[in-house]
Structures are given as structure tokens and as C-alpha cells.
Amino acid sequence: MRGAGRVSGSYDAYQTAARMSWDIKCDTWEEFPMAQKWFATGEAMAHLRYLENKGEVVMGEVDGVRVYGLGR
């Protein structure tokens, strides 16, 4: 495991997407259409991988799920 699984405040891509700002006419993440959640999670994954490569987040694994936490 590489760090993030043990970092408090680490989130998986779905949880990260739910915390991001989106330009969609929904007041909450729960109101997002399922397909939009799928796309948003994919975009969050791309951002997390980018930030991991820059060293700004670290990736770990918890119960077979990749999670990310602050790297600095």
C-alpha cells in the first residue's frame, strides 16, 4: 500500500466527485442523474491521477478500492 489508505481524509474517486463543483442544474450530488455521476467519477479519476503524478496526492488501497489523500 502506498500511504493514502492510512491517511485520514482520504477519498475514492466517487467520493471525490461528490465533493467537486459541477456545472449542472442539481442542488446536491444525490440529485445527479446516474449517468452524470458515472462521467463525473471518471473525470475525478483523471484529475486524481494527474495530481498523483505531480505528487500533490498519494494513492492507497482500502478493501480493494483506490483512495487518495493529500500528499504534502
Foldseek 3Di string as FASTA:
>chain_A
DKPPVPDPPKAFLLVVLQVDDDDDPDPHPVPDDPVVSVVSSVVSVVVQVVCVVVQQWIWDDDPRTIIIDGRD
